[in-house]
Amino acid sequence: MEQAKIDRINVLARKSKAEGLTEEEKKEQDLLRKEYIAIIRRNLRAQLDQIDVVNPDGTTENLGEKYGNQKAN
């Protein structure tokens, strides 16, 4: 996510606490937050897909291959 969008999220959060937001600003804040959360989830999923688990029998299992095809939450 671009730094300008992150800065805008922070500006809207501070304004919300200080004086409140207009309906248009609330919608903008909601869209920016949803975009930010989607990016965080996508990055986390990519990291988790790279994890290898060593089973007690010594075999290695990649979590991305095992669970990667399931629908993300």
PDB file of N, CA and C in Angstrom:
ATOM      1  N   MET A   1       0.853  -1.174   0.000  1.00  0.00           N
ATOM      2  CA  MET A   1       0.000   0.000   0.000  1.00  0.00           C
ATOM      3  C   MET A   1       0.894   1.229   0.000  1.00  0.00           C
ATOM      4  N   GLU A   2       0.467   2.209  -0.709  1.00  0.00           N
ATOM      5  CA  GLU A   2       1.248   3.430  -0.816  1.00  0.00           C
ATOM      6  C   GLU A   2       1.270   4.179   0.513  1.00  0.00           C
ATOM      7  N   GLN A   3       2.382   4.822   0.782  1.00  0.00           N
ATOM      8  CA  GLN A   3       2.526   5.569   2.036  1.00  0.00           C
ATOM      9  C   GLN A   3       1.483   6.682   2.144  1.00  0.00           C
ATOM     10  N   ALA A   4       1.113   7.277   1.026  1.00  0.00           N
ATOM     11  CA  ALA A   4       0.110   8.348   1.042  1.00  0.00           C
ATOM     12  C   ALA A   4      -1.235   7.841   1.565  1.00  0.00           C
ATOM     13  N   LYS A   5      -1.595   6.607   1.205  1.00  0.00           N
ATOM     14  CA  LYS A   5      -2.861   6.043   1.677  1.00  0.00           C
ATOM     15  C   LYS A   5      -2.792   5.737   3.171  1.00  0.00           C
ATOM     16  N   ILE A   6      -1.658   5.244   3.628  1.00  0.00           N
ATOM     17  CA  ILE A   6      -1.488   4.972   5.053  1.00  0.00           C
ATOM     18  C   ILE A   6      -1.561   6.274   5.841  1.00  0.00           C
ATOM     19  N   ASP A   7      -0.918   7.310   5.323  1.00  0.00           N
ATOM     20  CA  ASP A   7      -0.989   8.625   5.971  1.00  0.00           C
ATOM     21  C   ASP A   7      -2.426   9.128   6.024  1.00  0.00           C
ATOM     22  N   ARG A   8      -3.184   8.898   4.955  1.00  0.00           N
ATOM     23  CA  ARG A   8      -4.579   9.343   4.922  1.00  0.00           C
ATOM     24  C   ARG A   8      -5.416   8.588   5.960  1.00  0.00           C
ATOM     25  N   ILE A   9      -5.161   7.297   6.129  1.00  0.00           N
ATOM     26  CA  ILE A   9      -5.850   6.515   7.164  1.00  0.00           C
ATOM     27  C   ILE A   9      -5.588   7.133   8.529  1.00  0.00           C
ATOM     28  N   ASN A  10      -4.340   7.487   8.789  1.00  0.00           N
ATOM     29  CA  ASN A  10      -3.972   8.068  10.077  1.00  0.00           C
ATOM     30  C   ASN A  10      -4.609   9.440  10.282  1.00  0.00           C
ATOM     31  N   VAL A  11      -4.656  10.250   9.232  1.00  0.00           N
ATOM     32  CA  VAL A  11      -5.276  11.579   9.323  1.00  0.00           C
ATOM     33  C   VAL A  11      -6.759  11.430   9.656  1.00  0.00           C
ATOM     34  N   LEU A  12      -7.424  10.511   8.968  1.00  0.00           N
ATOM     35  CA  LEU A  12      -8.853  10.310   9.221  1.00  0.00           C
ATOM     36  C   LEU A  12      -9.102   9.761  10.632  1.00  0.00           C
ATOM     37  N   ALA A  13      -8.226   8.909  11.124  1.00  0.00           N
ATOM     38  CA  ALA A  13      -8.382   8.373  12.474  1.00  0.00           C
ATOM     39  C   ALA A  13      -8.241   9.481  13.515  1.00  0.00           C
ATOM     40  N   ARG A  14      -7.249  10.334  13.334  1.00  0.00           N
ATOM     41  CA  ARG A  14      -7.071  11.450  14.278  1.00  0.00           C
ATOM     42  C   ARG A  14      -8.255  12.413  14.222  1.00  0.00           C
ATOM     43  N   LYS A  15      -8.720  12.701  13.023  1.00  0.00           N
ATOM     44  CA  LYS A  15      -9.856  13.613  12.869  1.00  0.00           C
ATOM     45  C   LYS A  15     -11.117  13.005  13.476  1.00  0.00           C
ATOM     46  N   SER A  16     -11.288  11.717  13.325  1.00  0.00           N
ATOM     47  CA  SER A  16     -12.448  11.030  13.883  1.00  0.00           C
ATOM     48  C   SER A  16     -12.493  11.166  15.395  1.00  0.00           C
ATOM     49  N   LYS A  17     -11.347  11.033  16.035  1.00  0.00           N
ATOM     50  CA  LYS A  17     -11.272  11.162  17.493  1.00  0.00           C
ATOM     51  C   LYS A  17     -11.458  12.599  17.947  1.00  0.00           C
ATOM     52  N   ALA A  18     -10.936  13.525  17.174  1.00  0.00           N
ATOM     53  CA  ALA A  18     -10.945  14.930  17.579  1.00  0.00           C
ATOM     54  C   ALA A  18     -12.290  15.611  17.344  1.00  0.00           C
ATOM     55  N   GLU A  19     -12.828  15.477  16.124  1.00  0.00           N
ATOM     56  CA  GLU A  19     -14.019  16.265  15.805  1.00  0.00           C
ATOM     57  C   GLU A  19     -15.093  15.497  15.067  1.00  0.00           C
ATOM     58  N   GLY A  20     -14.809  14.289  14.657  1.00  0.00           N
ATOM     59  CA  GLY A  20     -15.788  13.505  13.911  1.00  0.00           C
ATOM     60  C   GLY A  20     -15.578  13.629  12.411  1.00  0.00           C
ATOM     61  N   LEU A  21     -16.193  12.706  11.681  1.00  0.00           N
ATOM     62  CA  LEU A  21     -16.020  12.659  10.233  1.00  0.00           C
ATOM     63  C   LEU A  21     -17.360  12.892   9.538  1.00  0.00           C
ATOM     64  N   THR A  22     -17.278  13.419   8.325  1.00  0.00           N
ATOM     65  CA  THR A  22     -18.470  13.527   7.494  1.00  0.00           C
ATOM     66  C   THR A  22     -18.779  12.138   6.933  1.00  0.00           C
ATOM     67  N   GLU A  23     -19.945  11.973   6.354  1.00  0.00           N
ATOM     68  CA  GLU A  23     -20.320  10.680   5.771  1.00  0.00           C
ATOM     69  C   GLU A  23     -19.350  10.277   4.658  1.00  0.00           C
ATOM     70  N   GLU A  24     -18.939  11.235   3.859  1.00  0.00           N
ATOM     71  CA  GLU A  24     -17.998  10.955   2.774  1.00  0.00           C
ATOM     72  C   GLU A  24     -16.656  10.488   3.334  1.00  0.00           C
ATOM     73  N   GLU A  25     -16.189  11.126   4.395  1.00  0.00           N
ATOM     74  CA  GLU A  25     -14.922  10.738   5.014  1.00  0.00           C
ATOM     75  C   GLU A  25     -15.034   9.364   5.673  1.00  0.00           C
ATOM     76  N   LYS A  26     -16.192   9.045   6.243  1.00  0.00           N
ATOM     77  CA  LYS A  26     -16.388   7.722   6.838  1.00  0.00           C
ATOM     78  C   LYS A  26     -16.311   6.636   5.776  1.00  0.00           C
ATOM     79  N   LYS A  27     -16.909   6.899   4.607  1.00  0.00           N
ATOM     80  CA  LYS A  27     -16.849   5.934   3.517  1.00  0.00           C
ATOM     81  C   LYS A  27     -15.418   5.764   3.021  1.00  0.00           C
ATOM     82  N   GLU A  28     -14.692   6.880   2.892  1.00  0.00           N
ATOM     83  CA  GLU A  28     -13.301   6.825   2.457  1.00  0.00           C
ATOM     84  C   GLU A  28     -12.461   6.040   3.461  1.00  0.00           C
ATOM     85  N   GLN A  29     -12.675   6.301   4.739  1.00  0.00           N
ATOM     86  CA  GLN A  29     -11.938   5.603   5.781  1.00  0.00           C
ATOM     87  C   GLN A  29     -12.217   4.099   5.731  1.00  0.00           C
ATOM     88  N   ASP A  30     -13.473   3.737   5.553  1.00  0.00           N
ATOM     89  CA  ASP A  30     -13.853   2.334   5.485  1.00  0.00           C
ATOM     90  C   ASP A  30     -13.182   1.640   4.300  1.00  0.00           C
ATOM     91  N   LEU A  31     -13.197   2.277   3.125  1.00  0.00           N
ATOM     92  CA  LEU A  31     -12.557   1.691   1.948  1.00  0.00           C
ATOM     93  C   LEU A  31     -11.052   1.537   2.130  1.00  0.00           C
ATOM     94  N   LEU A  32     -10.419   2.551   2.697  1.00  0.00           N
ATOM     95  CA  LEU A  32      -8.973   2.479   2.920  1.00  0.00           C
ATOM     96  C   LEU A  32      -8.621   1.380   3.920  1.00  0.00           C
ATOM     97  N   ARG A  33      -9.411   1.261   4.970  1.00  0.00           N
ATOM     98  CA  ARG A  33      -9.160   0.210   5.966  1.00  0.00           C
ATOM     99  C   ARG A  33      -9.330  -1.170   5.362  1.00  0.00           C
ATOM    100  N   LYS A  34     -10.376  -1.360   4.559  1.00  0.00           N
ATOM    101  CA  LYS A  34     -10.599  -2.661   3.924  1.00  0.00           C
ATOM    102  C   LYS A  34      -9.450  -3.010   2.987  1.00  0.00           C
ATOM    103  N   GLU A  35      -8.969  -2.038   2.234  1.00  0.00           N
ATOM    104  CA  GLU A  35      -7.838  -2.271   1.338  1.00  0.00           C
ATOM    105  C   GLU A  35      -6.595  -2.654   2.132  1.00  0.00           C
ATOM    106  N   TYR A  36      -6.355  -1.941   3.231  1.00  0.00           N
ATOM    107  CA  TYR A  36      -5.190  -2.206   4.077  1.00  0.00           C
ATOM    108  C   TYR A  36      -5.259  -3.621   4.663  1.00  0.00           C
ATOM    109  N   ILE A  37      -6.413  -3.998   5.179  1.00  0.00           N
ATOM    110  CA  ILE A  37      -6.581  -5.325   5.778  1.00  0.00           C
ATOM    111  C   ILE A  37      -6.401  -6.419   4.726  1.00  0.00           C
ATOM    112  N   ALA A  38      -6.908  -6.205   3.516  1.00  0.00           N
ATOM    113  CA  ALA A  38      -6.755  -7.188   2.442  1.00  0.00           C
ATOM    114  C   ALA A  38      -5.279  -7.400   2.107  1.00  0.00           C
ATOM    115  N   ILE A  39      -4.516  -6.327   2.091  1.00  0.00           N
ATOM    116  CA  ILE A  39      -3.080  -6.427   1.802  1.00  0.00           C
ATOM    117  C   ILE A  39      -2.365  -7.182   2.918  1.00  0.00           C
ATOM    118  N   ILE A  40      -2.702  -6.880   4.157  1.00  0.00           N
ATOM    119  CA  ILE A  40      -2.086  -7.577   5.301  1.00  0.00           C
ATOM    120  C   ILE A  40      -2.398  -9.069   5.238  1.00  0.00           C
ATOM    121  N   ARG A  41      -3.637  -9.420   4.968  1.00  0.00           N
ATOM    122  CA  ARG A  41      -4.019 -10.837   4.877  1.00  0.00           C
ATOM    123  C   ARG A  41      -3.287 -11.538   3.742  1.00  0.00           C
ATOM    124  N   ARG A  42      -3.176 -10.873   2.599  1.00  0.00           N
ATOM    125  CA  ARG A  42      -2.488 -11.465   1.453  1.00  0.00           C
ATOM    126  C   ARG A  42      -1.012 -11.707   1.783  1.00  0.00           C
ATOM    127  N   ASN A  43      -0.373 -10.752   2.443  1.00  0.00           N
ATOM    128  CA  ASN A  43       1.032 -10.909   2.823  1.00  0.00           C
ATOM    129  C   ASN A  43       1.216 -12.032   3.840  1.00  0.00           C
ATOM    130  N   LEU A  44       0.314 -12.106   4.810  1.00  0.00           N
ATOM    131  CA  LEU A  44       0.390 -13.158   5.826  1.00  0.00           C
ATOM    132  C   LEU A  44       0.199 -14.525   5.189  1.00  0.00           C
ATOM    133  N   ARG A  45      -0.762 -14.632   4.281  1.00  0.00           N
ATOM    134  CA  ARG A  45      -1.004 -15.901   3.589  1.00  0.00           C
ATOM    135  C   ARG A  45       0.247 -16.331   2.822  1.00  0.00           C
ATOM    136  N   ALA A  46       0.896 -15.397   2.154  1.00  0.00           N
ATOM    137  CA  ALA A  46       2.104 -15.716   1.390  1.00  0.00           C
ATOM    138  C   ALA A  46       3.211 -16.214   2.320  1.00  0.00           C
ATOM    139  N   GLN A  47       3.344 -15.614   3.488  1.00  0.00           N
ATOM    140  CA  GLN A  47       4.362 -16.051   4.440  1.00  0.00           C
ATOM    141  C   GLN A  47       4.041 -17.444   4.977  1.00  0.00           C
ATOM    142  N   LEU A  48       2.772 -17.667   5.318  1.00  0.00           N
ATOM    143  CA  LEU A  48       2.383 -18.963   5.864  1.00  0.00           C
ATOM    144  C   LEU A  48       2.521 -20.079   4.827  1.00  0.00           C
ATOM    145  N   ASP A  49       2.304 -19.751   3.560  1.00  0.00           N
ATOM    146  CA  ASP A  49       2.437 -20.749   2.506  1.00  0.00           C
ATOM    147  C   ASP A  49       3.877 -21.212   2.330  1.00  0.00           C
ATOM    148  N   GLN A  50       4.828 -20.479   2.846  1.00  0.00           N
ATOM    149  CA  GLN A  50       6.245 -20.837   2.716  1.00  0.00           C
ATOM    150  C   GLN A  50       6.757 -21.684   3.877  1.00  0.00           C
ATOM    151  N   ILE A  51       5.920 -21.962   4.868  1.00  0.00           N
ATOM    152  CA  ILE A  51       6.354 -22.699   6.061  1.00  0.00           C
ATOM    153  C   ILE A  51       6.352 -24.198   5.779  1.00  0.00           C
ATOM    154  N   ASP A  52       7.433 -24.844   6.168  1.00  0.00           N
ATOM    155  CA  ASP A  52       7.545 -26.294   6.088  1.00  0.00           C
ATOM    156  C   ASP A  52       7.485 -26.855   7.505  1.00  0.00           C
ATOM    157  N   VAL A  53       6.691 -27.915   7.682  1.00  0.00           N
ATOM    158  CA  VAL A  53       6.550 -28.570   8.973  1.00  0.00           C
ATOM    159  C   VAL A  53       7.224 -29.933   8.878  1.00  0.00           C
ATOM    160  N   VAL A  54       8.048 -30.248   9.880  1.00  0.00           N
ATOM    161  CA  VAL A  54       8.692 -31.551   9.930  1.00  0.00           C
ATOM    162  C   VAL A  54       7.838 -32.444  10.822  1.00  0.00           C
ATOM    163  N   ASN A  55       7.332 -33.514  10.250  1.00  0.00           N
ATOM    164  CA  ASN A  55       6.485 -34.463  10.974  1.00  0.00           C
ATOM    165  C   ASN A  55       7.333 -35.358  11.864  1.00  0.00           C
ATOM    166  N   PRO A  56       6.705 -36.005  12.867  1.00  0.00           N
ATOM    167  CA  PRO A  56       7.465 -36.902  13.765  1.00  0.00           C
ATOM    168  C   PRO A  56       8.192 -38.028  13.032  1.00  0.00           C
ATOM    169  N   ASP A  57       7.682 -38.447  11.873  1.00  0.00           N
ATOM    170  CA  ASP A  57       8.354 -39.520  11.131  1.00  0.00           C
ATOM    171  C   ASP A  57       9.503 -39.015  10.267  1.00  0.00           C
ATOM    172  N   GLY A  58       9.770 -37.694  10.299  1.00  0.00           N
ATOM    173  CA  GLY A  58      10.892 -37.122   9.583  1.00  0.00           C
ATOM    174  C   GLY A  58      10.548 -36.539   8.223  1.00  0.00           C
ATOM    175  N   THR A  59       9.329 -36.733   7.756  1.00  0.00           N
ATOM    176  CA  THR A  59       8.941 -36.168   6.466  1.00  0.00           C
ATOM    177  C   THR A  59       8.657 -34.683   6.611  1.00  0.00           C
ATOM    178  N   THR A  60       8.817 -33.975   5.533  1.00  0.00           N
ATOM    179  CA  THR A  60       8.581 -32.534   5.512  1.00  0.00           C
ATOM    180  C   THR A  60       7.318 -32.255   4.717  1.00  0.00           C
ATOM    181  N   GLU A  61       6.517 -31.332   5.241  1.00  0.00           N
ATOM    182  CA  GLU A  61       5.240 -31.004   4.610  1.00  0.00           C
ATOM    183  C   GLU A  61       5.141 -29.488   4.479  1.00  0.00           C
ATOM    184  N   ASN A  62       4.860 -29.019   3.274  1.00  0.00           N
ATOM    185  CA  ASN A  62       4.711 -27.585   3.050  1.00  0.00           C
ATOM    186  C   ASN A  62       3.260 -27.197   3.308  1.00  0.00           C
ATOM    187  N   LEU A  63       3.053 -26.197   4.163  1.00  0.00           N
ATOM    188  CA  LEU A  63       1.689 -25.784   4.502  1.00  0.00           C
ATOM    189  C   LEU A  63       0.962 -25.168   3.317  1.00  0.00           C
ATOM    190  N   GLY A  64       1.706 -24.506   2.445  1.00  0.00           N
ATOM    191  CA  GLY A  64       1.095 -23.930   1.259  1.00  0.00           C
ATOM    192  C   GLY A  64       0.530 -24.989   0.336  1.00  0.00           C
ATOM    193  N   GLU A  65       1.249 -26.084   0.206  1.00  0.00           N
ATOM    194  CA  GLU A  65       0.769 -27.188  -0.637  1.00  0.00           C
ATOM    195  C   GLU A  65      -0.384 -27.928   0.035  1.00  0.00           C
ATOM    196  N   LYS A  66      -0.323 -28.041   1.352  1.00  0.00           N
ATOM    197  CA  LYS A  66      -1.342 -28.786   2.092  1.00  0.00           C
ATOM    198  C   LYS A  66      -2.648 -28.004   2.212  1.00  0.00           C
ATOM    199  N   TYR A  67      -2.548 -26.693   2.514  1.00  0.00           N
ATOM    200  CA  TYR A  67      -3.741 -25.901   2.771  1.00  0.00           C
ATOM    201  C   TYR A  67      -3.959 -24.758   1.780  1.00  0.00           C
ATOM    202  N   GLY A  68      -3.056 -24.556   0.868  1.00  0.00           N
ATOM    203  CA  GLY A  68      -3.099 -23.413  -0.025  1.00  0.00           C
ATOM    204  C   GLY A  68      -4.313 -23.354  -0.943  1.00  0.00           C
ATOM    205  N   ASN A  69      -4.907 -24.470  -1.261  1.00  0.00           N
ATOM    206  CA  ASN A  69      -6.038 -24.479  -2.185  1.00  0.00           C
ATOM    207  C   ASN A  69      -7.368 -24.214  -1.491  1.00  0.00           C
ATOM    208  N   GLN A  70      -7.367 -24.134  -0.170  1.00  0.00           N
ATOM    209  CA  GLN A  70      -8.606 -23.870   0.543  1.00  0.00           C
ATOM    210  C   GLN A  70      -8.938 -22.395   0.454  1.00  0.00           C
ATOM    211  N   LYS A  71     -10.210 -22.086   0.590  1.00  0.00           N
ATOM    212  CA  LYS A  71     -10.658 -20.687   0.533  1.00  0.00           C
ATOM    213  C   LYS A  71     -10.136 -19.940   1.749  1.00  0.00           C
ATOM    214  N   ALA A  72      -9.541 -18.771   1.515  1.00  0.00           N
ATOM    215  CA  ALA A  72      -9.024 -17.938   2.607  1.00  0.00           C
ATOM    216  C   ALA A  72     -10.182 -17.293   3.345  1.00  0.00           C
ATOM    217  N   ASN A  73      -9.970 -17.066   4.651  1.00  0.00           N
ATOM    218  CA  ASN A  73     -11.017 -16.435   5.479  1.00  0.00           C
ATOM    219  C   ASN A  73     -11.073 -14.979   5.235  1.00  0.00           C
TER     220      ASN A  73
END
